[in-house]
Amino acid sequence: MSEHAYELRVARDVAKEIKKAPPGDRKALLKAMKALELNPRPPGHAKLKVRDLGEYRVRVRSYRIRYDVDDDAKVIFIQAVKHRGEAYRT
């Protein structure tokens, strides 16, 4: 069995947003994203009704990670990482 159950793909804007985060938050975000490879629906995840920026959301400190899961292809696509004050604005 492979080390990771799912492949993680990240939108271009996500890297910029993570770089803007304070170092402690940045480390927590990267750890949470890595954990999604093994469990794309961790405790505390939420299935979203609005699909403009992802089907699921996980909270990481003051940030939200929004992502889609393709179970057939075993791919997780991180669409957005936003501070909670901006996470749901369109």
PDB file of N, CA and C in Angstrom:
ATOM      1  N   MET A   1       0.847  -1.192   0.000  1.00  0.00           N
ATOM      2  CA  MET A   1       0.000   0.000   0.000  1.00  0.00           C
ATOM      3  C   MET A   1       0.881   1.240   0.000  1.00  0.00           C
ATOM      4  N   SER A   2       0.468   2.276  -0.709  1.00  0.00           N
ATOM      5  CA  SER A   2       1.272   3.489  -0.776  1.00  0.00           C
ATOM      6  C   SER A   2       1.202   4.252   0.539  1.00  0.00           C
ATOM      7  N   GLU A   3       2.145   5.152   0.714  1.00  0.00           N
ATOM      8  CA  GLU A   3       2.215   5.952   1.929  1.00  0.00           C
ATOM      9  C   GLU A   3       1.005   6.882   2.040  1.00  0.00           C
ATOM     10  N   HIS A   4       0.501   7.354   0.894  1.00  0.00           N
ATOM     11  CA  HIS A   4      -0.627   8.277   0.872  1.00  0.00           C
ATOM     12  C   HIS A   4      -1.784   7.644   0.119  1.00  0.00           C
ATOM     13  N   ALA A   5      -2.959   7.749   0.683  1.00  0.00           N
ATOM     14  CA  ALA A   5      -4.131   7.186   0.032  1.00  0.00           C
ATOM     15  C   ALA A   5      -4.608   8.082  -1.116  1.00  0.00           C
ATOM     16  N   TYR A   6      -4.407   9.397  -0.989  1.00  0.00           N
ATOM     17  CA  TYR A   6      -4.857  10.359  -1.991  1.00  0.00           C
ATOM     18  C   TYR A   6      -3.689  11.220  -2.450  1.00  0.00           C
ATOM     19  N   GLU A   7      -3.783  11.696  -3.686  1.00  0.00           N
ATOM     20  CA  GLU A   7      -2.814  12.648  -4.208  1.00  0.00           C
ATOM     21  C   GLU A   7      -3.331  14.051  -3.919  1.00  0.00           C
ATOM     22  N   LEU A   8      -2.465  14.923  -3.478  1.00  0.00           N
ATOM     23  CA  LEU A   8      -2.837  16.291  -3.149  1.00  0.00           C
ATOM     24  C   LEU A   8      -2.448  17.215  -4.295  1.00  0.00           C
ATOM     25  N   ARG A   9      -3.415  17.984  -4.794  1.00  0.00           N
ATOM     26  CA  ARG A   9      -3.164  19.001  -5.816  1.00  0.00           C
ATOM     27  C   ARG A   9      -3.607  20.338  -5.246  1.00  0.00           C
ATOM     28  N   VAL A  10      -2.819  21.364  -5.532  1.00  0.00           N
ATOM     29  CA  VAL A  10      -3.040  22.663  -4.903  1.00  0.00           C
ATOM     30  C   VAL A  10      -3.164  23.751  -5.958  1.00  0.00           C
ATOM     31  N   ALA A  11      -4.178  24.605  -5.819  1.00  0.00           N
ATOM     32  CA  ALA A  11      -4.361  25.740  -6.722  1.00  0.00           C
ATOM     33  C   ALA A  11      -3.214  26.724  -6.542  1.00  0.00           C
ATOM     34  N   ARG A  12      -2.885  27.460  -7.585  1.00  0.00           N
ATOM     35  CA  ARG A  12      -1.756  28.401  -7.556  1.00  0.00           C
ATOM     36  C   ARG A  12      -1.894  29.452  -6.457  1.00  0.00           C
ATOM     37  N   ASP A  13      -3.078  29.994  -6.273  1.00  0.00           N
ATOM     38  CA  ASP A  13      -3.291  31.057  -5.285  1.00  0.00           C
ATOM     39  C   ASP A  13      -3.072  30.584  -3.855  1.00  0.00           C
ATOM     40  N   VAL A  14      -3.185  29.296  -3.623  1.00  0.00           N
ATOM     41  CA  VAL A  14      -3.058  28.755  -2.278  1.00  0.00           C
ATOM     42  C   VAL A  14      -1.651  28.992  -1.729  1.00  0.00           C
ATOM     43  N   ALA A  15      -0.639  28.780  -2.516  1.00  0.00           N
ATOM     44  CA  ALA A  15       0.745  28.975  -2.059  1.00  0.00           C
ATOM     45  C   ALA A  15       0.964  30.421  -1.602  1.00  0.00           C
ATOM     46  N   LYS A  16       0.421  31.374  -2.327  1.00  0.00           N
ATOM     47  CA  LYS A  16       0.557  32.786  -1.954  1.00  0.00           C
ATOM     48  C   LYS A  16      -0.110  33.053  -0.612  1.00  0.00           C
ATOM     49  N   GLU A  17      -1.286  32.511  -0.423  1.00  0.00           N
ATOM     50  CA  GLU A  17      -2.036  32.717   0.818  1.00  0.00           C
ATOM     51  C   GLU A  17      -1.296  32.097   2.006  1.00  0.00           C
ATOM     52  N   ILE A  18      -0.737  30.929   1.814  1.00  0.00           N
ATOM     53  CA  ILE A  18       0.000  30.272   2.893  1.00  0.00           C
ATOM     54  C   ILE A  18       1.247  31.074   3.256  1.00  0.00           C
ATOM     55  N   LYS A  19       1.933  31.623   2.270  1.00  0.00           N
ATOM     56  CA  LYS A  19       3.125  32.439   2.542  1.00  0.00           C
ATOM     57  C   LYS A  19       2.795  33.679   3.357  1.00  0.00           C
ATOM     58  N   LYS A  20       1.580  34.218   3.207  1.00  0.00           N
ATOM     59  CA  LYS A  20       1.171  35.408   3.953  1.00  0.00           C
ATOM     60  C   LYS A  20       0.834  35.090   5.409  1.00  0.00           C
ATOM     61  N   ALA A  21       0.582  33.835   5.723  1.00  0.00           N
ATOM     62  CA  ALA A  21       0.189  33.441   7.080  1.00  0.00           C
ATOM     63  C   ALA A  21       1.383  33.529   8.031  1.00  0.00           C
ATOM     64  N   PRO A  22       1.127  33.823   9.306  1.00  0.00           N
ATOM     65  CA  PRO A  22       2.207  33.801  10.300  1.00  0.00           C
ATOM     66  C   PRO A  22       2.830  32.401  10.358  1.00  0.00           C
ATOM     67  N   PRO A  23       4.111  32.309  10.749  1.00  0.00           N
ATOM     68  CA  PRO A  23       4.823  31.022  10.730  1.00  0.00           C
ATOM     69  C   PRO A  23       4.098  29.869  11.446  1.00  0.00           C
ATOM     70  N   GLY A  24       3.528  30.116  12.598  1.00  0.00           N
ATOM     71  CA  GLY A  24       2.822  29.052  13.327  1.00  0.00           C
ATOM     72  C   GLY A  24       1.596  28.563  12.569  1.00  0.00           C
ATOM     73  N   ASP A  25       0.858  29.496  12.006  1.00  0.00           N
ATOM     74  CA  ASP A  25      -0.321  29.133  11.210  1.00  0.00           C
ATOM     75  C   ASP A  25       0.094  28.416   9.942  1.00  0.00           C
ATOM     76  N   ARG A  26       1.175  28.892   9.333  1.00  0.00           N
ATOM     77  CA  ARG A  26       1.676  28.273   8.100  1.00  0.00           C
ATOM     78  C   ARG A  26       2.009  26.802   8.343  1.00  0.00           C
ATOM     79  N   LYS A  27       2.696  26.537   9.433  1.00  0.00           N
ATOM     80  CA  LYS A  27       3.069  25.160   9.764  1.00  0.00           C
ATOM     81  C   LYS A  27       1.819  24.302  10.003  1.00  0.00           C
ATOM     82  N   ALA A  28       0.840  24.847  10.702  1.00  0.00           N
ATOM     83  CA  ALA A  28      -0.403  24.116  10.976  1.00  0.00           C
ATOM     84  C   ALA A  28      -1.178  23.846   9.687  1.00  0.00           C
ATOM     85  N   LEU A  29      -1.201  24.813   8.775  1.00  0.00           N
ATOM     86  CA  LEU A  29      -1.897  24.637   7.496  1.00  0.00           C
ATOM     87  C   LEU A  29      -1.257  23.527   6.672  1.00  0.00           C
ATOM     88  N   LEU A  30       0.068  23.555   6.580  1.00  0.00           N
ATOM     89  CA  LEU A  30       0.770  22.534   5.800  1.00  0.00           C
ATOM     90  C   LEU A  30       0.572  21.145   6.408  1.00  0.00           C
ATOM     91  N   LYS A  31       0.588  21.058   7.724  1.00  0.00           N
ATOM     92  CA  LYS A  31       0.366  19.782   8.403  1.00  0.00           C
ATOM     93  C   LYS A  31      -1.054  19.264   8.129  1.00  0.00           C
ATOM     94  N   ALA A  32      -2.035  20.157   8.190  1.00  0.00           N
ATOM     95  CA  ALA A  32      -3.423  19.763   7.932  1.00  0.00           C
ATOM     96  C   ALA A  32      -3.617  19.308   6.486  1.00  0.00           C
ATOM     97  N   MET A  33      -2.983  20.007   5.558  1.00  0.00           N
ATOM     98  CA  MET A  33      -3.099  19.623   4.152  1.00  0.00           C
ATOM     99  C   MET A  33      -2.474  18.251   3.925  1.00  0.00           C
ATOM    100  N   LYS A  34      -1.336  18.004   4.531  1.00  0.00           N
ATOM    101  CA  LYS A  34      -0.660  16.707   4.413  1.00  0.00           C
ATOM    102  C   LYS A  34      -1.546  15.601   4.994  1.00  0.00           C
ATOM    103  N   ALA A  35      -2.212  15.885   6.095  1.00  0.00           N
ATOM    104  CA  ALA A  35      -3.078  14.894   6.739  1.00  0.00           C
ATOM    105  C   ALA A  35      -4.270  14.528   5.851  1.00  0.00           C
ATOM    106  N   LEU A  36      -4.701  15.459   5.007  1.00  0.00           N
ATOM    107  CA  LEU A  36      -5.820  15.164   4.111  1.00  0.00           C
ATOM    108  C   LEU A  36      -5.494  14.038   3.132  1.00  0.00           C
ATOM    109  N   GLU A  37      -4.213  13.850   2.834  1.00  0.00           N
ATOM    110  CA  GLU A  37      -3.822  12.767   1.930  1.00  0.00           C
ATOM    111  C   GLU A  37      -4.216  11.406   2.493  1.00  0.00           C
ATOM    112  N   LEU A  38      -4.191  11.276   3.789  1.00  0.00           N
ATOM    113  CA  LEU A  38      -4.558  10.003   4.423  1.00  0.00           C
ATOM    114  C   LEU A  38      -6.038   9.927   4.766  1.00  0.00           C
ATOM    115  N   ASN A  39      -6.632  11.078   5.088  1.00  0.00           N
ATOM    116  CA  ASN A  39      -8.040  11.105   5.467  1.00  0.00           C
ATOM    117  C   ASN A  39      -8.669  12.394   4.944  1.00  0.00           C
ATOM    118  N   PRO A  40      -9.313  12.350   3.770  1.00  0.00           N
ATOM    119  CA  PRO A  40      -9.870  13.567   3.181  1.00  0.00           C
ATOM    120  C   PRO A  40     -11.113  14.099   3.898  1.00  0.00           C
ATOM    121  N   ARG A  41     -11.615  13.349   4.829  1.00  0.00           N
ATOM    122  CA  ARG A  41     -12.786  13.799   5.599  1.00  0.00           C
ATOM    123  C   ARG A  41     -12.500  13.610   7.095  1.00  0.00           C
ATOM    124  N   PRO A  42     -11.577  14.429   7.619  1.00  0.00           N
ATOM    125  CA  PRO A  42     -11.173  14.275   9.024  1.00  0.00           C
ATOM    126  C   PRO A  42     -12.269  14.735   9.985  1.00  0.00           C
ATOM    127  N   PRO A  43     -12.151  14.384  11.253  1.00  0.00           N
ATOM    128  CA  PRO A  43     -13.108  14.893  12.241  1.00  0.00           C
ATOM    129  C   PRO A  43     -13.128  16.420  12.187  1.00  0.00           C
ATOM    130  N   GLY A  44     -14.307  16.986  12.199  1.00  0.00           N
ATOM    131  CA  GLY A  44     -14.447  18.433  12.138  1.00  0.00           C
ATOM    132  C   GLY A  44     -14.587  19.001  10.734  1.00  0.00           C
ATOM    133  N   HIS A  45     -14.471  18.149   9.701  1.00  0.00           N
ATOM    134  CA  HIS A  45     -14.651  18.665   8.341  1.00  0.00           C
ATOM    135  C   HIS A  45     -16.123  19.013   8.132  1.00  0.00           C
ATOM    136  N   ALA A  46     -16.388  19.834   7.154  1.00  0.00           N
ATOM    137  CA  ALA A  46     -17.768  20.199   6.837  1.00  0.00           C
ATOM    138  C   ALA A  46     -17.987  20.077   5.339  1.00  0.00           C
ATOM    139  N   LYS A  47     -19.105  19.497   4.975  1.00  0.00           N
ATOM    140  CA  LYS A  47     -19.502  19.448   3.570  1.00  0.00           C
ATOM    141  C   LYS A  47     -20.268  20.737   3.298  1.00  0.00           C
ATOM    142  N   LEU A  48     -19.833  21.467   2.291  1.00  0.00           N
ATOM    143  CA  LEU A  48     -20.418  22.775   2.014  1.00  0.00           C
ATOM    144  C   LEU A  48     -21.538  22.680   0.993  1.00  0.00           C
ATOM    145  N   LYS A  49     -22.511  23.549   1.150  1.00  0.00           N
ATOM    146  CA  LYS A  49     -23.621  23.594   0.202  1.00  0.00           C
ATOM    147  C   LYS A  49     -23.278  24.439  -1.009  1.00  0.00           C
ATOM    148  N   VAL A  50     -22.459  25.474  -0.814  1.00  0.00           N
ATOM    149  CA  VAL A  50     -22.031  26.345  -1.901  1.00  0.00           C
ATOM    150  C   VAL A  50     -20.759  25.754  -2.484  1.00  0.00           C
ATOM    151  N   ARG A  51     -20.742  25.482  -3.780  1.00  0.00           N
ATOM    152  CA  ARG A  51     -19.606  24.784  -4.380  1.00  0.00           C
ATOM    153  C   ARG A  51     -18.693  25.686  -5.199  1.00  0.00           C
ATOM    154  N   ASP A  52     -18.745  26.987  -4.992  1.00  0.00           N
ATOM    155  CA  ASP A  52     -17.892  27.861  -5.802  1.00  0.00           C
ATOM    156  C   ASP A  52     -16.410  27.729  -5.465  1.00  0.00           C
ATOM    157  N   LEU A  53     -16.084  27.366  -4.237  1.00  0.00           N
ATOM    158  CA  LEU A  53     -14.685  27.256  -3.843  1.00  0.00           C
ATOM    159  C   LEU A  53     -14.379  25.948  -3.133  1.00  0.00           C
ATOM    160  N   GLY A  54     -15.059  24.905  -3.444  1.00  0.00           N
ATOM    161  CA  GLY A  54     -14.749  23.626  -2.827  1.00  0.00           C
ATOM    162  C   GLY A  54     -15.953  22.984  -2.185  1.00  0.00           C
ATOM    163  N   GLU A  55     -15.916  21.680  -2.127  1.00  0.00           N
ATOM    164  CA  GLU A  55     -17.034  20.923  -1.588  1.00  0.00           C
ATOM    165  C   GLU A  55     -16.922  20.732  -0.075  1.00  0.00           C
ATOM    166  N   TYR A  56     -15.673  20.740   0.431  1.00  0.00           N
ATOM    167  CA  TYR A  56     -15.441  20.518   1.849  1.00  0.00           C
ATOM    168  C   TYR A  56     -14.611  21.644   2.433  1.00  0.00           C
ATOM    169  N   ARG A  57     -14.669  21.732   3.770  1.00  0.00           N
ATOM    170  CA  ARG A  57     -13.899  22.734   4.472  1.00  0.00           C
ATOM    171  C   ARG A  57     -13.380  22.129   5.769  1.00  0.00           C
ATOM    172  N   VAL A  58     -12.137  22.443   6.107  1.00  0.00           N
ATOM    173  CA  VAL A  58     -11.599  22.128   7.425  1.00  0.00           C
ATOM    174  C   VAL A  58     -11.075  23.420   8.038  1.00  0.00           C
ATOM    175  N   ARG A  59     -11.208  23.520   9.339  1.00  0.00           N
ATOM    176  CA  ARG A  59     -10.710  24.677  10.074  1.00  0.00           C
ATOM    177  C   ARG A  59      -9.310  24.381  10.585  1.00  0.00           C
ATOM    178  N   VAL A  60      -8.439  25.341  10.412  1.00  0.00           N
ATOM    179  CA  VAL A  60      -7.077  25.258  10.937  1.00  0.00           C
ATOM    180  C   VAL A  60      -6.779  26.618  11.560  1.00  0.00           C
ATOM    181  N   ARG A  61      -6.814  26.666  12.873  1.00  0.00           N
ATOM    182  CA  ARG A  61      -6.644  27.915  13.608  1.00  0.00           C
ATOM    183  C   ARG A  61      -7.629  28.956  13.078  1.00  0.00           C
ATOM    184  N   SER A  62      -7.144  30.089  12.593  1.00  0.00           N
ATOM    185  CA  SER A  62      -8.028  31.141  12.072  1.00  0.00           C
ATOM    186  C   SER A  62      -8.233  31.026  10.570  1.00  0.00           C
ATOM    187  N   TYR A  63      -7.832  29.910   9.994  1.00  0.00           N
ATOM    188  CA  TYR A  63      -7.912  29.718   8.545  1.00  0.00           C
ATOM    189  C   TYR A  63      -8.887  28.615   8.183  1.00  0.00           C
ATOM    190  N   ARG A  64      -9.309  28.662   6.928  1.00  0.00           N
ATOM    191  CA  ARG A  64     -10.177  27.624   6.382  1.00  0.00           C
ATOM    192  C   ARG A  64      -9.529  27.079   5.119  1.00  0.00           C
ATOM    193  N   ILE A  65      -9.509  25.763   5.011  1.00  0.00           N
ATOM    194  CA  ILE A  65      -9.025  25.099   3.796  1.00  0.00           C
ATOM    195  C   ILE A  65     -10.253  24.576   3.086  1.00  0.00           C
ATOM    196  N   ARG A  66     -10.465  25.009   1.835  1.00  0.00           N
ATOM    197  CA  ARG A  66     -11.608  24.538   1.052  1.00  0.00           C
ATOM    198  C   ARG A  66     -11.081  23.654  -0.060  1.00  0.00           C
ATOM    199  N   TYR A  67     -11.709  22.496  -0.227  1.00  0.00           N
ATOM    200  CA  TYR A  67     -11.169  21.513  -1.160  1.00  0.00           C
ATOM    201  C   TYR A  67     -12.255  20.600  -1.719  1.00  0.00           C
ATOM    202  N   ASP A  68     -11.928  19.968  -2.841  1.00  0.00           N
ATOM    203  CA  ASP A  68     -12.768  18.952  -3.469  1.00  0.00           C
ATOM    204  C   ASP A  68     -12.078  17.610  -3.336  1.00  0.00           C
ATOM    205  N   VAL A  69     -12.874  16.553  -3.304  1.00  0.00           N
ATOM    206  CA  VAL A  69     -12.343  15.193  -3.236  1.00  0.00           C
ATOM    207  C   VAL A  69     -12.900  14.394  -4.404  1.00  0.00           C
ATOM    208  N   ASP A  70     -12.003  13.763  -5.149  1.00  0.00           N
ATOM    209  CA  ASP A  70     -12.401  12.827  -6.204  1.00  0.00           C
ATOM    210  C   ASP A  70     -12.003  11.441  -5.714  1.00  0.00           C
ATOM    211  N   ASP A  71     -12.965  10.723  -5.140  1.00  0.00           N
ATOM    212  CA  ASP A  71     -12.678   9.406  -4.566  1.00  0.00           C
ATOM    213  C   ASP A  71     -12.285   8.387  -5.620  1.00  0.00           C
ATOM    214  N   ASP A  72     -12.843   8.494  -6.819  1.00  0.00           N
ATOM    215  CA  ASP A  72     -12.510   7.535  -7.878  1.00  0.00           C
ATOM    216  C   ASP A  72     -11.057   7.665  -8.314  1.00  0.00           C
ATOM    217  N   ALA A  73     -10.597   8.908  -8.489  1.00  0.00           N
ATOM    218  CA  ALA A  73      -9.218   9.151  -8.919  1.00  0.00           C
ATOM    219  C   ALA A  73      -8.253   9.256  -7.740  1.00  0.00           C
ATOM    220  N   LYS A  74      -8.792   9.270  -6.527  1.00  0.00           N
ATOM    221  CA  LYS A  74      -7.978   9.404  -5.307  1.00  0.00           C
ATOM    222  C   LYS A  74      -7.172  10.706  -5.335  1.00  0.00           C
ATOM    223  N   VAL A  75      -7.883  11.816  -5.618  1.00  0.00           N
ATOM    224  CA  VAL A  75      -7.252  13.131  -5.709  1.00  0.00           C
ATOM    225  C   VAL A  75      -8.003  14.111  -4.817  1.00  0.00           C
ATOM    226  N   ILE A  76      -7.235  14.924  -4.104  1.00  0.00           N
ATOM    227  CA  ILE A  76      -7.780  16.036  -3.334  1.00  0.00           C
ATOM    228  C   ILE A  76      -7.254  17.303  -3.983  1.00  0.00           C
ATOM    229  N   PHE A  77      -8.146  18.227  -4.315  1.00  0.00           N
ATOM    230  CA  PHE A  77      -7.752  19.482  -4.935  1.00  0.00           C
ATOM    231  C   PHE A  77      -8.024  20.620  -3.951  1.00  0.00           C
ATOM    232  N   ILE A  78      -6.958  21.189  -3.408  1.00  0.00           N
ATOM    233  CA  ILE A  78      -7.081  22.315  -2.488  1.00  0.00           C
ATOM    234  C   ILE A  78      -7.365  23.548  -3.331  1.00  0.00           C
ATOM    235  N   GLN A  79      -8.551  24.116  -3.164  1.00  0.00           N
ATOM    236  CA  GLN A  79      -8.936  25.253  -3.989  1.00  0.00           C
ATOM    237  C   GLN A  79      -8.675  26.591  -3.338  1.00  0.00           C
ATOM    238  N   ALA A  80      -8.721  26.631  -2.009  1.00  0.00           N
ATOM    239  CA  ALA A  80      -8.508  27.912  -1.334  1.00  0.00           C
ATOM    240  C   ALA A  80      -8.056  27.686   0.096  1.00  0.00           C
ATOM    241  N   VAL A  81      -7.196  28.579   0.547  1.00  0.00           N
ATOM    242  CA  VAL A  81      -6.830  28.693   1.955  1.00  0.00           C
ATOM    243  C   VAL A  81      -7.009  30.160   2.278  1.00  0.00           C
ATOM    244  N   LYS A  82      -7.944  30.446   3.163  1.00  0.00           N
ATOM    245  CA  LYS A  82      -8.274  31.838   3.469  1.00  0.00           C
ATOM    246  C   LYS A  82      -8.409  32.026   4.973  1.00  0.00           C
ATOM    247  N   HIS A  83      -8.111  33.236   5.413  1.00  0.00           N
ATOM    248  CA  HIS A  83      -8.381  33.596   6.797  1.00  0.00           C
ATOM    249  C   HIS A  83      -9.892  33.542   6.983  1.00  0.00           C
ATOM    250  N   ARG A  84     -10.318  33.177   8.173  1.00  0.00           N
ATOM    251  CA  ARG A  84     -11.765  32.949   8.384  1.00  0.00           C
ATOM    252  C   ARG A  84     -12.623  34.157   8.027  1.00  0.00           C
ATOM    253  N   GLY A  85     -12.113  35.357   8.140  1.00  0.00           N
ATOM    254  CA  GLY A  85     -12.891  36.557   7.808  1.00  0.00           C
ATOM    255  C   GLY A  85     -13.139  36.710   6.321  1.00  0.00           C
ATOM    256  N   GLU A  86     -12.347  36.016   5.513  1.00  0.00           N
ATOM    257  CA  GLU A  86     -12.476  36.131   4.065  1.00  0.00           C
ATOM    258  C   GLU A  86     -12.834  34.819   3.385  1.00  0.00           C
ATOM    259  N   ALA A  87     -12.955  33.766   4.143  1.00  0.00           N
ATOM    260  CA  ALA A  87     -13.107  32.429   3.571  1.00  0.00           C
ATOM    261  C   ALA A  87     -14.372  32.241   2.754  1.00  0.00           C
ATOM    262  N   TYR A  88     -15.431  32.951   3.091  1.00  0.00           N
ATOM    263  CA  TYR A  88     -16.708  32.678   2.424  1.00  0.00           C
ATOM    264  C   TYR A  88     -17.179  33.831   1.541  1.00  0.00           C
ATOM    265  N   ARG A  89     -16.327  34.815   1.366  1.00  0.00           N
ATOM    266  CA  ARG A  89     -16.670  35.923   0.464  1.00  0.00           C
ATOM    267  C   ARG A  89     -16.420  35.509  -0.973  1.00  0.00           C
ATOM    268  N   THR A  90     -17.244  35.953  -1.861  1.00  0.00           N
ATOM    269  CA  THR A  90     -17.056  35.634  -3.278  1.00  0.00           C
ATOM    270  C   THR A  90     -16.637  36.843  -4.071  1.00  0.00           C
TER     271      THR A  90
END
